[in-house]
Amino acid sequence: MILTVDLDSEVPIYQQLRDQIVEAIARGVLTEGSSLPSTRALAADFGINFHTVNKAYDLLRQQGLIRLNRKTGAVVALTDAGAPFRTEWTARARTLLAEAIARGLPAEEVLATCRSVLDSFGSTPPEEMP
């Protein structure tokens, strides 16, 4: 897995790391049980503070995407999203889609973009992949 950070981006570095790891899980690059680099190693690779990496990993842990353990480090450990996640996700998607429509994107283009993004991850959820 290759991660990159844009130090000039308005998106915080911890959020960039978190988002790229989520995308790697969605694409199947990272699967259940995959190990992630240690916070110190990843921080050293990017020349950033290890607390920044720790914040990204903690977000992923809170969201049920990784497990943190002193012995094994950070490991992908997918848990069932459940109803609260679905409700929150739907609200976020609604706002993002509303923004696209409010900015004048035609519904057909929005749907085509959604399909294209989903296809880039593969349409099969990670737990159903062979």
N, C-alpha and C. Protein backbone atom coordinates (compact mmCIF):
# COMPACT_ATOMS: atom_id res chain seq x y z
N MET A 1 0.84 -1.17 0.00
CA MET A 1 0.00 0.00 0.00
C MET A 1 0.89 1.23 0.00
N ILE A 2 0.58 2.16 -0.87
CA ILE A 2 1.35 3.39 -0.96
C ILE A 2 0.47 4.55 -0.50
N LEU A 3 0.93 5.25 0.50
CA LEU A 3 0.24 6.42 1.01
C LEU A 3 1.02 7.66 0.61
N THR A 4 0.30 8.73 0.37
CA THR A 4 0.95 10.00 0.08
C THR A 4 0.28 11.08 0.91
N VAL A 5 1.01 12.10 1.23
CA VAL A 5 0.43 13.25 1.91
C VAL A 5 0.81 14.51 1.16
N ASP A 6 -0.11 15.43 1.13
CA ASP A 6 0.12 16.72 0.51
C ASP A 6 0.23 17.74 1.64
N LEU A 7 1.44 18.15 1.95
CA LEU A 7 1.67 19.06 3.06
C LEU A 7 1.06 20.44 2.82
N ASP A 8 0.76 20.76 1.57
CA ASP A 8 0.17 22.07 1.23
C ASP A 8 -1.35 22.02 1.16
N SER A 9 -1.93 20.86 1.33
CA SER A 9 -3.38 20.70 1.23
C SER A 9 -4.09 21.36 2.41
N GLU A 10 -5.32 21.79 2.18
CA GLU A 10 -6.15 22.31 3.27
C GLU A 10 -6.69 21.18 4.13
N VAL A 11 -6.64 19.95 3.60
CA VAL A 11 -7.10 18.78 4.35
C VAL A 11 -6.00 18.40 5.33
N PRO A 12 -6.34 18.28 6.62
CA PRO A 12 -5.31 17.92 7.60
C PRO A 12 -4.64 16.59 7.24
N ILE A 13 -3.37 16.47 7.59
CA ILE A 13 -2.59 15.28 7.24
C ILE A 13 -3.21 14.02 7.83
N TYR A 14 -3.67 14.08 9.08
CA TYR A 14 -4.28 12.89 9.68
C TYR A 14 -5.51 12.44 8.89
N GLN A 15 -6.26 13.42 8.36
CA GLN A 15 -7.46 13.09 7.57
C GLN A 15 -7.05 12.49 6.22
N GLN A 16 -5.98 13.00 5.62
CA GLN A 16 -5.49 12.43 4.36
C GLN A 16 -5.10 10.97 4.56
N LEU A 17 -4.37 10.69 5.66
CA LEU A 17 -3.96 9.32 5.94
C LEU A 17 -5.17 8.43 6.18
N ARG A 18 -6.10 8.88 7.00
CA ARG A 18 -7.30 8.12 7.30
C ARG A 18 -8.07 7.80 6.02
N ASP A 19 -8.27 8.82 5.18
CA ASP A 19 -9.04 8.63 3.95
C ASP A 19 -8.37 7.64 3.00
N GLN A 20 -7.05 7.71 2.88
CA GLN A 20 -6.33 6.80 1.99
C GLN A 20 -6.39 5.36 2.49
N ILE A 21 -6.35 5.18 3.79
CA ILE A 21 -6.45 3.83 4.34
C ILE A 21 -7.85 3.27 4.12
N VAL A 22 -8.88 4.11 4.30
CA VAL A 22 -10.26 3.67 4.04
C VAL A 22 -10.40 3.27 2.57
N GLU A 23 -9.84 4.07 1.67
CA GLU A 23 -9.92 3.74 0.24
C GLU A 23 -9.18 2.45 -0.07
N ALA A 24 -8.05 2.22 0.58
CA ALA A 24 -7.30 0.98 0.36
C ALA A 24 -8.11 -0.23 0.83
N ILE A 25 -8.85 -0.07 1.92
CA ILE A 25 -9.73 -1.15 2.39
C ILE A 25 -10.85 -1.37 1.37
N ALA A 26 -11.44 -0.29 0.89
CA ALA A 26 -12.53 -0.40 -0.07
C ALA A 26 -12.08 -1.06 -1.37
N ARG A 27 -10.85 -0.79 -1.80
CA ARG A 27 -10.32 -1.39 -3.03
C ARG A 27 -9.86 -2.82 -2.83
N GLY A 28 -9.77 -3.25 -1.58
CA GLY A 28 -9.30 -4.60 -1.30
C GLY A 28 -7.79 -4.72 -1.19
N VAL A 29 -7.10 -3.58 -1.23
CA VAL A 29 -5.64 -3.59 -1.06
C VAL A 29 -5.31 -3.99 0.37
N LEU A 30 -6.10 -3.49 1.31
CA LEU A 30 -5.98 -3.89 2.71
C LEU A 30 -7.20 -4.73 3.05
N THR A 31 -6.97 -5.89 3.61
CA THR A 31 -8.06 -6.79 3.97
C THR A 31 -8.02 -7.08 5.47
N GLU A 32 -9.02 -7.76 5.95
CA GLU A 32 -9.09 -8.16 7.36
C GLU A 32 -7.76 -8.81 7.76
N GLY A 33 -7.15 -8.29 8.82
CA GLY A 33 -5.89 -8.84 9.32
C GLY A 33 -4.64 -8.19 8.75
N SER A 34 -4.79 -7.32 7.75
CA SER A 34 -3.62 -6.62 7.19
C SER A 34 -3.00 -5.71 8.24
N SER A 35 -1.69 -5.74 8.34
CA SER A 35 -0.98 -4.87 9.28
C SER A 35 -0.69 -3.53 8.64
N LEU A 36 -0.77 -2.50 9.45
CA LEU A 36 -0.40 -1.16 9.01
C LEU A 36 0.96 -0.82 9.62
N PRO A 37 1.70 0.09 9.01
CA PRO A 37 2.99 0.49 9.58
C PRO A 37 2.80 1.08 10.97
N SER A 38 3.82 0.99 11.80
CA SER A 38 3.74 1.61 13.12
C SER A 38 3.61 3.12 12.96
N THR A 39 3.07 3.76 13.99
CA THR A 39 2.90 5.21 13.91
C THR A 39 4.25 5.91 13.75
N ARG A 40 5.25 5.42 14.46
CA ARG A 40 6.57 6.05 14.37
C ARG A 40 7.21 5.84 13.00
N ALA A 41 7.06 4.65 12.44
CA ALA A 41 7.64 4.37 11.12
C ALA A 41 6.97 5.22 10.05
N LEU A 42 5.64 5.29 10.09
CA LEU A 42 4.92 6.07 9.08
C LEU A 42 5.24 7.55 9.24
N ALA A 43 5.31 8.02 10.46
CA ALA A 43 5.66 9.42 10.70
C ALA A 43 7.06 9.73 10.17
N ALA A 44 8.00 8.83 10.41
CA ALA A 44 9.37 9.03 9.93
C ALA A 44 9.40 9.04 8.40
N ASP A 45 8.63 8.16 7.77
CA ASP A 45 8.59 8.11 6.30
C ASP A 45 8.15 9.45 5.70
N PHE A 46 7.20 10.11 6.37
CA PHE A 46 6.67 11.37 5.84
C PHE A 46 7.31 12.60 6.47
N GLY A 47 8.11 12.40 7.50
CA GLY A 47 8.71 13.54 8.18
C GLY A 47 7.67 14.35 8.94
N ILE A 48 6.71 13.65 9.54
CA ILE A 48 5.66 14.32 10.29
C ILE A 48 5.68 13.81 11.74
N ASN A 49 4.96 14.48 12.60
CA ASN A 49 4.89 14.09 14.00
C ASN A 49 4.11 12.78 14.13
N PHE A 50 4.59 11.87 14.97
CA PHE A 50 3.92 10.58 15.11
C PHE A 50 2.52 10.73 15.71
N HIS A 51 2.28 11.83 16.43
CA HIS A 51 0.94 12.07 16.98
C HIS A 51 -0.08 12.28 15.86
N THR A 52 0.36 12.79 14.72
CA THR A 52 -0.51 12.98 13.57
C THR A 52 -0.98 11.62 13.04
N VAL A 53 -0.05 10.69 12.92
CA VAL A 53 -0.40 9.33 12.48
C VAL A 53 -1.28 8.66 13.52
N ASN A 54 -0.92 8.87 14.79
CA ASN A 54 -1.70 8.30 15.88
C ASN A 54 -3.15 8.78 15.82
N LYS A 55 -3.35 10.04 15.49
CA LYS A 55 -4.71 10.59 15.39
C LYS A 55 -5.48 9.91 14.25
N ALA A 56 -4.83 9.68 13.11
CA ALA A 56 -5.47 8.98 12.00
C ALA A 56 -5.85 7.56 12.41
N TYR A 57 -4.93 6.86 13.05
CA TYR A 57 -5.19 5.49 13.48
C TYR A 57 -6.30 5.45 14.53
N ASP A 58 -6.31 6.43 15.43
CA ASP A 58 -7.36 6.45 16.45
C ASP A 58 -8.73 6.67 15.82
N LEU A 59 -8.81 7.54 14.82
CA LEU A 59 -10.08 7.73 14.10
C LEU A 59 -10.54 6.42 13.46
N LEU A 60 -9.62 5.73 12.81
CA LEU A 60 -9.95 4.45 12.17
C LEU A 60 -10.41 3.42 13.20
N ARG A 61 -9.78 3.45 14.37
CA ARG A 61 -10.18 2.54 15.45
C ARG A 61 -11.59 2.87 15.93
N GLN A 62 -11.86 4.14 16.16
CA GLN A 62 -13.18 4.57 16.61
C GLN A 62 -14.27 4.21 15.59
N GLN A 63 -13.90 4.22 14.33
CA GLN A 63 -14.85 3.94 13.26
C GLN A 63 -14.96 2.44 12.97
N GLY A 64 -14.24 1.63 13.72
CA GLY A 64 -14.35 0.18 13.58
C GLY A 64 -13.65 -0.40 12.37
N LEU A 65 -12.61 0.29 11.88
CA LEU A 65 -11.90 -0.20 10.70
C LEU A 65 -10.55 -0.85 11.03
N ILE A 66 -9.99 -0.50 12.16
CA ILE A 66 -8.74 -1.14 12.58
C ILE A 66 -8.81 -1.46 14.07
N ARG A 67 -7.89 -2.33 14.48
CA ARG A 67 -7.71 -2.68 15.89
C ARG A 67 -6.29 -2.28 16.25
N LEU A 68 -6.14 -1.66 17.40
CA LEU A 68 -4.81 -1.27 17.88
C LEU A 68 -4.45 -2.15 19.06
N ASN A 69 -3.23 -2.70 19.01
CA ASN A 69 -2.78 -3.61 20.04
C ASN A 69 -1.29 -3.37 20.26
N ARG A 70 -0.86 -3.41 21.50
CA ARG A 70 0.56 -3.17 21.79
C ARG A 70 1.46 -4.19 21.11
N LYS A 71 1.02 -5.43 21.03
CA LYS A 71 1.85 -6.49 20.43
C LYS A 71 1.82 -6.46 18.91
N THR A 72 0.61 -6.38 18.33
CA THR A 72 0.47 -6.51 16.88
C THR A 72 0.43 -5.18 16.16
N GLY A 73 0.30 -4.08 16.88
CA GLY A 73 0.21 -2.77 16.24
C GLY A 73 -1.17 -2.54 15.65
N ALA A 74 -1.22 -1.78 14.58
CA ALA A 74 -2.48 -1.46 13.90
C ALA A 74 -2.77 -2.53 12.85
N VAL A 75 -3.96 -3.13 12.97
CA VAL A 75 -4.36 -4.20 12.07
C VAL A 75 -5.78 -3.92 11.59
N VAL A 76 -6.02 -4.14 10.30
CA VAL A 76 -7.36 -3.97 9.77
C VAL A 76 -8.28 -4.99 10.43
N ALA A 77 -9.35 -4.50 11.03
CA ALA A 77 -10.31 -5.35 11.73
C ALA A 77 -11.69 -4.77 11.49
N LEU A 78 -12.31 -5.17 10.41
CA LEU A 78 -13.60 -4.61 10.02
C LEU A 78 -14.71 -5.12 10.93
N THR A 79 -15.52 -4.18 11.41
CA THR A 79 -16.68 -4.56 12.21
C THR A 79 -17.93 -4.13 11.48
N ASP A 80 -19.05 -4.76 11.81
CA ASP A 80 -20.32 -4.43 11.18
C ASP A 80 -20.65 -2.96 11.44
N ALA A 81 -21.01 -2.25 10.38
CA ALA A 81 -21.29 -0.83 10.49
C ALA A 81 -22.51 -0.55 11.36
N GLY A 82 -23.55 -1.33 11.21
CA GLY A 82 -24.74 -1.15 12.01
C GLY A 82 -25.55 0.07 11.62
N ALA A 83 -26.68 0.21 12.26
CA ALA A 83 -27.63 1.28 11.95
C ALA A 83 -27.08 2.68 12.20
N PRO A 84 -26.35 2.93 13.30
CA PRO A 84 -25.85 4.30 13.51
C PRO A 84 -24.96 4.78 12.37
N PHE A 85 -24.08 3.89 11.88
CA PHE A 85 -23.22 4.28 10.76
C PHE A 85 -24.05 4.58 9.52
N ARG A 86 -25.01 3.72 9.22
CA ARG A 86 -25.85 3.92 8.04
C ARG A 86 -26.57 5.26 8.09
N THR A 87 -27.07 5.61 9.25
CA THR A 87 -27.78 6.89 9.41
C THR A 87 -26.83 8.06 9.19
N GLU A 88 -25.66 8.00 9.82
CA GLU A 88 -24.66 9.07 9.66
C GLU A 88 -24.18 9.16 8.22
N TRP A 89 -23.91 8.01 7.61
CA TRP A 89 -23.42 7.99 6.23
C TRP A 89 -24.46 8.58 5.28
N THR A 90 -25.71 8.22 5.48
CA THR A 90 -26.78 8.74 4.62
C THR A 90 -26.87 10.26 4.74
N ALA A 91 -26.74 10.79 5.94
CA ALA A 91 -26.79 12.24 6.14
C ALA A 91 -25.62 12.93 5.44
N ARG A 92 -24.43 12.35 5.56
CA ARG A 92 -23.25 12.94 4.88
C ARG A 92 -23.40 12.88 3.37
N ALA A 93 -23.89 11.74 2.87
CA ALA A 93 -24.08 11.59 1.43
C ALA A 93 -25.13 12.58 0.93
N ARG A 94 -26.19 12.74 1.70
CA ARG A 94 -27.25 13.67 1.31
C ARG A 94 -26.70 15.09 1.15
N THR A 95 -25.89 15.52 2.12
CA THR A 95 -25.31 16.86 2.07
C THR A 95 -24.37 17.02 0.88
N LEU A 96 -23.53 16.02 0.64
CA LEU A 96 -22.59 16.08 -0.48
C LEU A 96 -23.33 16.11 -1.82
N LEU A 97 -24.35 15.27 -1.95
CA LEU A 97 -25.14 15.26 -3.18
C LEU A 97 -25.90 16.57 -3.36
N ALA A 98 -26.43 17.12 -2.27
CA ALA A 98 -27.13 18.41 -2.34
C ALA A 98 -26.18 19.51 -2.81
N GLU A 99 -24.94 19.46 -2.33
CA GLU A 99 -23.96 20.46 -2.76
C GLU A 99 -23.69 20.36 -4.26
N ALA A 100 -23.59 19.14 -4.76
CA ALA A 100 -23.36 18.96 -6.20
C ALA A 100 -24.52 19.54 -7.01
N ILE A 101 -25.75 19.26 -6.58
CA ILE A 101 -26.92 19.78 -7.30
C ILE A 101 -26.99 21.30 -7.16
N ALA A 102 -26.72 21.82 -5.95
CA ALA A 102 -26.77 23.27 -5.73
C ALA A 102 -25.74 24.01 -6.58
N ARG A 103 -24.64 23.34 -6.90
CA ARG A 103 -23.60 23.96 -7.73
C ARG A 103 -23.84 23.74 -9.22
N GLY A 104 -24.98 23.14 -9.54
CA GLY A 104 -25.38 23.06 -10.94
C GLY A 104 -25.01 21.79 -11.67
N LEU A 105 -24.50 20.78 -10.97
CA LEU A 105 -24.21 19.53 -11.66
C LEU A 105 -25.52 18.80 -11.95
N PRO A 106 -25.69 18.34 -13.18
CA PRO A 106 -26.92 17.60 -13.51
C PRO A 106 -26.97 16.27 -12.75
N ALA A 107 -28.16 15.84 -12.38
CA ALA A 107 -28.34 14.60 -11.62
C ALA A 107 -27.69 13.43 -12.33
N GLU A 108 -27.77 13.39 -13.66
CA GLU A 108 -27.18 12.29 -14.41
C GLU A 108 -25.66 12.25 -14.23
N GLU A 109 -25.04 13.42 -14.19
CA GLU A 109 -23.59 13.49 -13.99
C GLU A 109 -23.22 13.05 -12.56
N VAL A 110 -24.04 13.46 -11.61
CA VAL A 110 -23.81 13.07 -10.22
C VAL A 110 -23.89 11.55 -10.09
N LEU A 111 -24.92 10.96 -10.67
CA LEU A 111 -25.08 9.51 -10.63
C LEU A 111 -23.93 8.80 -11.35
N ALA A 112 -23.53 9.33 -12.49
CA ALA A 112 -22.42 8.73 -13.24
C ALA A 112 -21.13 8.80 -12.42
N THR A 113 -20.91 9.90 -11.73
CA THR A 113 -19.72 10.04 -10.90
C THR A 113 -19.77 9.04 -9.73
N CYS A 114 -20.94 8.91 -9.11
CA CYS A 114 -21.10 7.94 -8.02
C CYS A 114 -20.79 6.53 -8.51
N ARG A 115 -21.31 6.17 -9.67
CA ARG A 115 -21.08 4.84 -10.23
C ARG A 115 -19.60 4.65 -10.53
N SER A 116 -18.97 5.66 -11.11
CA SER A 116 -17.55 5.57 -11.45
C SER A 116 -16.70 5.38 -10.19
N VAL A 117 -17.01 6.12 -9.14
CA VAL A 117 -16.25 6.00 -7.89
C VAL A 117 -16.47 4.60 -7.30
N LEU A 118 -17.71 4.14 -7.26
CA LEU A 118 -17.99 2.80 -6.75
C LEU A 118 -17.26 1.74 -7.56
N ASP A 119 -17.27 1.89 -8.87
CA ASP A 119 -16.59 0.93 -9.73
C ASP A 119 -15.08 0.93 -9.49
N SER A 120 -14.52 2.08 -9.12
CA SER A 120 -13.08 2.13 -8.87
C SER A 120 -12.70 1.32 -7.63
N PHE A 121 -13.66 1.10 -6.74
CA PHE A 121 -13.42 0.28 -5.55
C PHE A 121 -13.79 -1.17 -5.79
N GLY A 122 -14.52 -1.42 -6.87
CA GLY A 122 -15.11 -2.74 -7.06
C GLY A 122 -16.46 -2.69 -6.38
N SER A 123 -17.47 -3.20 -7.01
CA SER A 123 -18.82 -3.06 -6.45
C SER A 123 -19.14 -4.06 -5.37
N THR A 124 -18.24 -5.04 -5.14
CA THR A 124 -18.49 -6.04 -4.11
C THR A 124 -17.92 -5.56 -2.79
N PRO A 125 -18.75 -5.55 -1.73
CA PRO A 125 -18.22 -5.15 -0.43
C PRO A 125 -17.03 -6.02 -0.04
N PRO A 126 -16.05 -5.46 0.71
CA PRO A 126 -14.84 -6.21 1.06
C PRO A 126 -15.08 -7.57 1.65
N GLU A 127 -16.10 -7.74 2.52
CA GLU A 127 -16.31 -9.04 3.15
C GLU A 127 -16.85 -10.09 2.18
N GLU A 128 -17.31 -9.65 1.01
CA GLU A 128 -17.81 -10.61 0.02
C GLU A 128 -16.81 -10.89 -1.10
N MET A 129 -15.66 -10.24 -1.05
CA MET A 129 -14.65 -10.46 -2.09
C MET A 129 -14.05 -11.83 -1.95
N PRO A 130 -13.71 -12.47 -3.09
CA PRO A 130 -13.10 -13.80 -3.02
C PRO A 130 -11.73 -13.76 -2.36
